């Protein structure tokens, strides 16, 4: 095998692995994407004060 063929095979091999990893990450990210929960009206919480507040 010539040097050019070896280098091209390394580059295309790396690109194929990188593409497969990106596809897998995007697939998992799409599967585990959760919509934000709907906000319900809640009563306002009383203001909290620190124990050291006077």
C-alpha atoms as a PDB file:
ATOM      1  CA  UNK A   1       0.000   0.000   0.000  1.00  0.00           C
ATOM      2  CA  UNK A   2       1.327   3.421  -0.847  1.00  0.00           C
ATOM      3  CA  UNK A   3       1.690   6.221   1.672  1.00  0.00           C
ATOM      4  CA  UNK A   4      -1.080   8.243   0.026  1.00  0.00           C
ATOM      5  CA  UNK A   5      -3.537   5.353   0.256  1.00  0.00           C
ATOM      6  CA  UNK A   6      -2.673   4.779   3.913  1.00  0.00           C
ATOM      7  CA  UNK A   7      -3.178   8.445   4.810  1.00  0.00           C
ATOM      8  CA  UNK A   8      -6.481   8.626   2.920  1.00  0.00           C
ATOM      9  CA  UNK A   9      -7.731   5.464   4.629  1.00  0.00           C
ATOM     10  CA  UNK A  10      -6.814   6.906   8.036  1.00  0.00           C
ATOM     11  CA  UNK A  11      -8.656  10.143   7.261  1.00  0.00           C
ATOM     12  CA  UNK A  12     -11.779   8.416   5.925  1.00  0.00           C
ATOM     13  CA  UNK A  13     -11.753   5.965   8.821  1.00  0.00           C
ATOM     14  CA  UNK A  14     -11.546   8.806  11.326  1.00  0.00           C
ATOM     15  CA  UNK A  15     -14.357  10.667   9.568  1.00  0.00           C
ATOM     16  CA  UNK A  16     -16.584   7.598   9.569  1.00  0.00           C
ATOM     17  CA  UNK A  17     -16.002   7.014  13.300  1.00  0.00           C
ATOM     18  CA  UNK A  18     -16.612  10.700  14.086  1.00  0.00           C
ATOM     19  CA  UNK A  19     -19.820  10.684  12.041  1.00  0.00           C
ATOM     20  CA  UNK A  20     -21.075   7.535  13.758  1.00  0.00           C
ATOM     21  CA  UNK A  21     -20.363   9.002  17.202  1.00  0.00           C
ATOM     22  CA  UNK A  22     -22.103  12.275  16.339  1.00  0.00           C
ATOM     23  CA  UNK A  23     -25.121  10.401  14.981  1.00  0.00           C
ATOM     24  CA  UNK A  24     -25.304   8.332  18.182  1.00  0.00           C
ATOM     25  CA  UNK A  25     -25.082  11.372  20.444  1.00  0.00           C
ATOM     26  CA  UNK A  26     -27.767  13.210  18.483  1.00  0.00           C
ATOM     27  CA  UNK A  27     -29.994  10.128  18.519  1.00  0.00           C
ATOM     28  CA  UNK A  28     -29.707   9.812  22.297  1.00  0.00           C
ATOM     29  CA  UNK A  29     -30.223  13.549  22.775  1.00  0.00           C
ATOM     30  CA  UNK A  30     -33.418  13.456  20.701  1.00  0.00           C
ATOM     31  CA  UNK A  31     -34.726  10.403  22.544  1.00  0.00           C
ATOM     32  CA  UNK A  32     -34.132  11.886  26.011  1.00  0.00           C
ATOM     33  CA  UNK A  33     -35.367  15.375  25.246  1.00  0.00           C
ATOM     34  CA  UNK A  34     -38.077  16.351  27.706  1.00  0.00           C
ATOM     35  CA  UNK A  35     -40.482  19.214  27.156  1.00  0.00           C
ATOM     36  CA  UNK A  36     -40.426  21.781  29.946  1.00  0.00           C
ATOM     37  CA  UNK A  37     -43.254  21.214  32.411  1.00  0.00           C
ATOM     38  CA  UNK A  38     -46.214  23.584  32.214  1.00  0.00           C
ATOM     39  CA  UNK A  39     -46.042  26.205  34.929  1.00  0.00           C
ATOM     40  CA  UNK A  40     -49.012  26.221  37.247  1.00  0.00           C
ATOM     41  CA  UNK A  41     -50.070  29.285  39.185  1.00  0.00           C
ATOM     42  CA  UNK A  42     -48.614  29.021  42.656  1.00  0.00           C
ATOM     43  CA  UNK A  43     -49.098  31.174  45.705  1.00  0.00           C
ATOM     44  CA  UNK A  44     -46.103  33.448  46.265  1.00  0.00           C
ATOM     45  CA  UNK A  45     -43.737  32.101  48.896  1.00  0.00           C
ATOM     46  CA  UNK A  46     -43.063  34.226  51.963  1.00  0.00           C
ATOM     47  CA  UNK A  47     -39.707  35.966  51.956  1.00  0.00           C
ATOM     48  CA  UNK A  48     -37.039  33.928  53.687  1.00  0.00           C
ATOM     49  CA  UNK A  49     -34.713  35.523  56.140  1.00  0.00           C
ATOM     50  CA  UNK A  50     -31.372  34.286  57.318  1.00  0.00           C
ATOM     51  CA  UNK A  51     -31.031  33.066  60.889  1.00  0.00           C
ATOM     52  CA  UNK A  52     -28.532  35.840  61.582  1.00  0.00           C
ATOM     53  CA  UNK A  53     -30.831  38.577  60.270  1.00  0.00           C
ATOM     54  CA  UNK A  54     -31.984  41.043  62.948  1.00  0.00           C
END
